């Protein structure tokens, strides 16, 4: 299975509650935290929803 690394770039303070919940659902806890996730359509959708807060690392 293909994996992708996702990094949280910005704080989730003062963002939409559903976006903050999506970031938590991805497993990201703090700024510059990196998690490795399985590349599925569901995960891609979550990343697209909060694309202004996260970055995909190679």
PDB file of N, CA and C in Angstrom:
ATOM      1  N   UNK A   1       0.831  -1.184   0.000  1.00  0.00           N
ATOM      2  CA  UNK A   1       0.000   0.000   0.000  1.00  0.00           C
ATOM      3  C   UNK A   1       0.876   1.249   0.000  1.00  0.00           C
ATOM      4  N   UNK A   2       0.467   2.216  -0.784  1.00  0.00           N
ATOM      5  CA  UNK A   2       1.214   3.451  -0.869  1.00  0.00           C
ATOM      6  C   UNK A   2       0.930   4.317   0.356  1.00  0.00           C
ATOM      7  N   UNK A   3       1.967   4.958   0.881  1.00  0.00           N
ATOM      8  CA  UNK A   3       1.830   5.817   2.055  1.00  0.00           C
ATOM      9  C   UNK A   3       2.199   7.247   1.674  1.00  0.00           C
ATOM     10  N   UNK A   4       1.596   8.205   2.376  1.00  0.00           N
ATOM     11  CA  UNK A   4       1.947   9.612   2.200  1.00  0.00           C
ATOM     12  C   UNK A   4       2.216  10.217   3.568  1.00  0.00           C
ATOM     13  N   UNK A   5       3.108  11.196   3.593  1.00  0.00           N
ATOM     14  CA  UNK A   5       3.416  11.908   4.832  1.00  0.00           C
ATOM     15  C   UNK A   5       2.711  13.259   4.788  1.00  0.00           C
ATOM     16  N   UNK A   6       2.048  13.595   5.872  1.00  0.00           N
ATOM     17  CA  UNK A   6       1.304  14.844   5.964  1.00  0.00           C
ATOM     18  C   UNK A   6       1.855  15.641   7.140  1.00  0.00           C
ATOM     19  N   UNK A   7       2.125  16.925   6.917  1.00  0.00           N
ATOM     20  CA  UNK A   7       2.677  17.812   7.945  1.00  0.00           C
ATOM     21  C   UNK A   7       1.701  18.947   8.226  1.00  0.00           C
ATOM     22  N   UNK A   8       1.484  19.236   9.512  1.00  0.00           N
ATOM     23  CA  UNK A   8       0.645  20.362   9.908  1.00  0.00           C
ATOM     24  C   UNK A   8       1.491  21.626   9.889  1.00  0.00           C
ATOM     25  N   UNK A   9       1.082  22.610   9.094  1.00  0.00           N
ATOM     26  CA  UNK A   9       1.856  23.845   8.932  1.00  0.00           C
ATOM     27  C   UNK A   9       1.358  24.982   9.801  1.00  0.00           C
ATOM     28  N   UNK A  10       0.056  25.056  10.024  1.00  0.00           N
ATOM     29  CA  UNK A  10      -0.528  26.175  10.759  1.00  0.00           C
ATOM     30  C   UNK A  10      -1.325  25.659  11.939  1.00  0.00           C
ATOM     31  N   UNK A  11      -1.537  26.529  12.901  1.00  0.00           N
ATOM     32  CA  UNK A  11      -2.306  26.183  14.082  1.00  0.00           C
ATOM     33  C   UNK A  11      -3.780  26.005  13.732  1.00  0.00           C
ATOM     34  N   UNK A  12      -4.454  25.165  14.510  1.00  0.00           N
ATOM     35  CA  UNK A  12      -5.877  24.974  14.294  1.00  0.00           C
ATOM     36  C   UNK A  12      -6.717  25.887  15.185  1.00  0.00           C
ATOM     37  N   UNK A  13      -6.053  26.783  15.926  1.00  0.00           N
ATOM     38  CA  UNK A  13      -6.790  27.781  16.698  1.00  0.00           C
ATOM     39  C   UNK A  13      -7.522  28.708  15.749  1.00  0.00           C
ATOM     40  N   UNK A  14      -8.732  29.019  16.088  1.00  0.00           N
ATOM     41  CA  UNK A  14      -9.593  29.957  15.348  1.00  0.00           C
ATOM     42  C   UNK A  14      -9.875  29.517  13.907  1.00  0.00           C
ATOM     43  N   UNK A  15      -9.922  28.219  13.665  1.00  0.00           N
ATOM     44  CA  UNK A  15     -10.402  27.730  12.374  1.00  0.00           C
ATOM     45  C   UNK A  15     -11.748  27.064  12.614  1.00  0.00           C
ATOM     46  N   UNK A  16     -12.444  26.784  11.537  1.00  0.00           N
ATOM     47  CA  UNK A  16     -13.731  26.116  11.602  1.00  0.00           C
ATOM     48  C   UNK A  16     -13.607  24.824  12.423  1.00  0.00           C
ATOM     49  N   UNK A  17     -14.591  24.559  13.273  1.00  0.00           N
ATOM     50  CA  UNK A  17     -14.531  23.379  14.143  1.00  0.00           C
ATOM     51  C   UNK A  17     -14.439  22.078  13.358  1.00  0.00           C
ATOM     52  N   UNK A  18     -15.135  22.015  12.230  1.00  0.00           N
ATOM     53  CA  UNK A  18     -15.078  20.785  11.435  1.00  0.00           C
ATOM     54  C   UNK A  18     -13.696  20.601  10.818  1.00  0.00           C
ATOM     55  N   UNK A  19     -13.029  21.691  10.478  1.00  0.00           N
ATOM     56  CA  UNK A  19     -11.677  21.594   9.931  1.00  0.00           C
ATOM     57  C   UNK A  19     -10.703  21.153  11.017  1.00  0.00           C
ATOM     58  N   UNK A  20     -10.869  21.684  12.218  1.00  0.00           N
ATOM     59  CA  UNK A  20     -10.016  21.263  13.331  1.00  0.00           C
ATOM     60  C   UNK A  20     -10.218  19.782  13.618  1.00  0.00           C
ATOM     61  N   UNK A  21     -11.448  19.312  13.556  1.00  0.00           N
ATOM     62  CA  UNK A  21     -11.729  17.895  13.776  1.00  0.00           C
ATOM     63  C   UNK A  21     -11.121  17.035  12.676  1.00  0.00           C
ATOM     64  N   UNK A  22     -11.106  17.537  11.452  1.00  0.00           N
ATOM     65  CA  UNK A  22     -10.498  16.806  10.346  1.00  0.00           C
ATOM     66  C   UNK A  22      -8.995  16.667  10.555  1.00  0.00           C
ATOM     67  N   UNK A  23      -8.352  17.733  11.010  1.00  0.00           N
ATOM     68  CA  UNK A  23      -6.910  17.683  11.287  1.00  0.00           C
ATOM     69  C   UNK A  23      -6.634  16.658  12.380  1.00  0.00           C
ATOM     70  N   UNK A  24      -7.450  16.657  13.424  1.00  0.00           N
ATOM     71  CA  UNK A  24      -7.290  15.664  14.494  1.00  0.00           C
ATOM     72  C   UNK A  24      -7.537  14.248  13.962  1.00  0.00           C
ATOM     73  N   UNK A  25      -8.495  14.123  13.054  1.00  0.00           N
ATOM     74  CA  UNK A  25      -8.785  12.824  12.463  1.00  0.00           C
ATOM     75  C   UNK A  25      -7.636  12.290  11.634  1.00  0.00           C
ATOM     76  N   UNK A  26      -6.846  13.188  11.069  1.00  0.00           N
ATOM     77  CA  UNK A  26      -5.655  12.778  10.338  1.00  0.00           C
ATOM     78  C   UNK A  26      -4.533  12.351  11.279  1.00  0.00           C
ATOM     79  N   UNK A  27      -4.686  12.651  12.573  1.00  0.00           N
ATOM     80  CA  UNK A  27      -3.676  12.265  13.552  1.00  0.00           C
ATOM     81  C   UNK A  27      -2.657  13.334  13.841  1.00  0.00           C
ATOM     82  N   UNK A  28      -2.887  14.545  13.355  1.00  0.00           N
ATOM     83  CA  UNK A  28      -1.949  15.643  13.569  1.00  0.00           C
ATOM     84  C   UNK A  28      -2.265  16.354  14.875  1.00  0.00           C
ATOM     85  N   UNK A  29      -1.246  16.607  15.691  1.00  0.00           N
ATOM     86  CA  UNK A  29      -1.465  17.143  17.020  1.00  0.00           C
ATOM     87  C   UNK A  29      -0.897  18.546  17.228  1.00  0.00           C
ATOM     88  N   UNK A  30       0.196  18.873  16.575  1.00  0.00           N
ATOM     89  CA  UNK A  30       0.841  20.167  16.800  1.00  0.00           C
ATOM     90  C   UNK A  30       1.515  20.626  15.506  1.00  0.00           C
ATOM     91  N   UNK A  31       1.930  21.875  15.471  1.00  0.00           N
ATOM     92  CA  UNK A  31       2.586  22.427  14.290  1.00  0.00           C
ATOM     93  C   UNK A  31       3.879  21.656  14.037  1.00  0.00           C
ATOM     94  N   UNK A  32       4.149  21.366  12.775  1.00  0.00           N
ATOM     95  CA  UNK A  32       5.310  20.596  12.301  1.00  0.00           C
ATOM     96  C   UNK A  32       5.243  19.123  12.661  1.00  0.00           C
ATOM     97  N   UNK A  33       4.103  18.646  13.128  1.00  0.00           N
ATOM     98  CA  UNK A  33       3.924  17.224  13.388  1.00  0.00           C
ATOM     99  C   UNK A  33       3.692  16.514  12.049  1.00  0.00           C
ATOM    100  N   UNK A  34       4.365  15.404  11.843  1.00  0.00           N
ATOM    101  CA  UNK A  34       4.259  14.650  10.594  1.00  0.00           C
ATOM    102  C   UNK A  34       3.706  13.268  10.904  1.00  0.00           C
ATOM    103  N   UNK A  35       2.712  12.853  10.131  1.00  0.00           N
ATOM    104  CA  UNK A  35       2.172  11.493  10.246  1.00  0.00           C
ATOM    105  C   UNK A  35       2.232  10.834   8.879  1.00  0.00           C
ATOM    106  N   UNK A  36       2.358   9.514   8.897  1.00  0.00           N
ATOM    107  CA  UNK A  36       2.377   8.741   7.661  1.00  0.00           C
ATOM    108  C   UNK A  36       1.053   7.992   7.563  1.00  0.00           C
ATOM    109  N   UNK A  37       0.328   8.234   6.480  1.00  0.00           N
ATOM    110  CA  UNK A  37      -1.003   7.666   6.301  1.00  0.00           C
ATOM    111  C   UNK A  37      -1.070   6.858   5.011  1.00  0.00           C
ATOM    112  N   UNK A  38      -1.973   5.894   4.980  1.00  0.00           N
ATOM    113  CA  UNK A  38      -2.218   5.127   3.763  1.00  0.00           C
ATOM    114  C   UNK A  38      -2.953   6.028   2.776  1.00  0.00           C
ATOM    115  N   UNK A  39      -2.512   6.016   1.534  1.00  0.00           N
ATOM    116  CA  UNK A  39      -3.079   6.887   0.504  1.00  0.00           C
ATOM    117  C   UNK A  39      -4.391   6.293  -0.011  1.00  0.00           C
ATOM    118  N   UNK A  40      -5.509   6.731   0.588  1.00  0.00           N
ATOM    119  CA  UNK A  40      -6.836   6.286   0.180  1.00  0.00           C
ATOM    120  C   UNK A  40      -7.651   7.500  -0.247  1.00  0.00           C
ATOM    121  N   UNK A  41      -8.734   7.299  -0.968  1.00  0.00           N
ATOM    122  CA  UNK A  41      -9.576   8.432  -1.350  1.00  0.00           C
ATOM    123  C   UNK A  41     -10.136   9.194  -0.147  1.00  0.00           C
ATOM    124  N   UNK A  42     -10.418   8.499   0.942  1.00  0.00           N
ATOM    125  CA  UNK A  42     -10.933   9.166   2.138  1.00  0.00           C
ATOM    126  C   UNK A  42      -9.886  10.101   2.743  1.00  0.00           C
ATOM    127  N   UNK A  43      -8.660   9.623   2.828  1.00  0.00           N
ATOM    128  CA  UNK A  43      -7.578  10.455   3.378  1.00  0.00           C
ATOM    129  C   UNK A  43      -7.309  11.631   2.453  1.00  0.00           C
ATOM    130  N   UNK A  44      -7.312  11.403   1.146  1.00  0.00           N
ATOM    131  CA  UNK A  44      -7.106  12.498   0.192  1.00  0.00           C
ATOM    132  C   UNK A  44      -8.192  13.559   0.328  1.00  0.00           C
ATOM    133  N   UNK A  45      -9.430  13.128   0.552  1.00  0.00           N
ATOM    134  CA  UNK A  45     -10.527  14.067   0.742  1.00  0.00           C
ATOM    135  C   UNK A  45     -10.344  14.900   1.994  1.00  0.00           C
ATOM    136  N   UNK A  46      -9.869  14.273   3.068  1.00  0.00           N
ATOM    137  CA  UNK A  46      -9.617  15.010   4.304  1.00  0.00           C
ATOM    138  C   UNK A  46      -8.504  16.039   4.099  1.00  0.00           C
ATOM    139  N   UNK A  47      -7.463  15.645   3.382  1.00  0.00           N
ATOM    140  CA  UNK A  47      -6.350  16.565   3.116  1.00  0.00           C
ATOM    141  C   UNK A  47      -6.821  17.730   2.254  1.00  0.00           C
ATOM    142  N   UNK A  48      -7.644  17.457   1.250  1.00  0.00           N
ATOM    143  CA  UNK A  48      -8.153  18.527   0.396  1.00  0.00           C
ATOM    144  C   UNK A  48      -9.033  19.503   1.172  1.00  0.00           C
ATOM    145  N   UNK A  49      -9.753  19.005   2.168  1.00  0.00           N
ATOM    146  CA  UNK A  49     -10.628  19.859   2.961  1.00  0.00           C
ATOM    147  C   UNK A  49      -9.828  20.880   3.765  1.00  0.00           C
ATOM    148  N   UNK A  50      -8.663  20.478   4.268  1.00  0.00           N
ATOM    149  CA  UNK A  50      -7.847  21.366   5.106  1.00  0.00           C
ATOM    150  C   UNK A  50      -6.513  21.680   4.430  1.00  0.00           C
ATOM    151  N   UNK A  51      -6.546  21.837   3.116  1.00  0.00           N
ATOM    152  CA  UNK A  51      -5.303  22.033   2.355  1.00  0.00           C
ATOM    153  C   UNK A  51      -4.552  23.310   2.724  1.00  0.00           C
ATOM    154  N   UNK A  52      -5.228  24.263   3.335  1.00  0.00           N
ATOM    155  CA  UNK A  52      -4.571  25.502   3.747  1.00  0.00           C
ATOM    156  C   UNK A  52      -3.838  25.344   5.094  1.00  0.00           C
ATOM    157  N   UNK A  53      -3.999  24.213   5.738  1.00  0.00           N
ATOM    158  CA  UNK A  53      -3.347  23.960   7.032  1.00  0.00           C
ATOM    159  C   UNK A  53      -2.238  22.916   6.943  1.00  0.00           C
ATOM    160  N   UNK A  54      -2.270  22.070   5.932  1.00  0.00           N
ATOM    161  CA  UNK A  54      -1.344  20.933   5.866  1.00  0.00           C
ATOM    162  C   UNK A  54      -0.554  20.943   4.563  1.00  0.00           C
ATOM    163  N   UNK A  55       0.495  20.119   4.539  1.00  0.00           N
ATOM    164  CA  UNK A  55       1.298  19.927   3.333  1.00  0.00           C
ATOM    165  C   UNK A  55       1.643  18.449   3.230  1.00  0.00           C
ATOM    166  N   UNK A  56       1.669  17.945   2.010  1.00  0.00           N
ATOM    167  CA  UNK A  56       2.082  16.568   1.764  1.00  0.00           C
ATOM    168  C   UNK A  56       3.583  16.574   1.534  1.00  0.00           C
ATOM    169  N   UNK A  57       4.310  15.833   2.373  1.00  0.00           N
ATOM    170  CA  UNK A  57       5.767  15.705   2.228  1.00  0.00           C
ATOM    171  C   UNK A  57       6.086  14.456   1.426  1.00  0.00           C
ATOM    172  N   UNK A  58       7.196  14.504   0.739  1.00  0.00           N
ATOM    173  CA  UNK A  58       7.610  13.356  -0.064  1.00  0.00           C
ATOM    174  C   UNK A  58       8.321  12.325   0.792  1.00  0.00           C
TER     175      UNK A  58
END
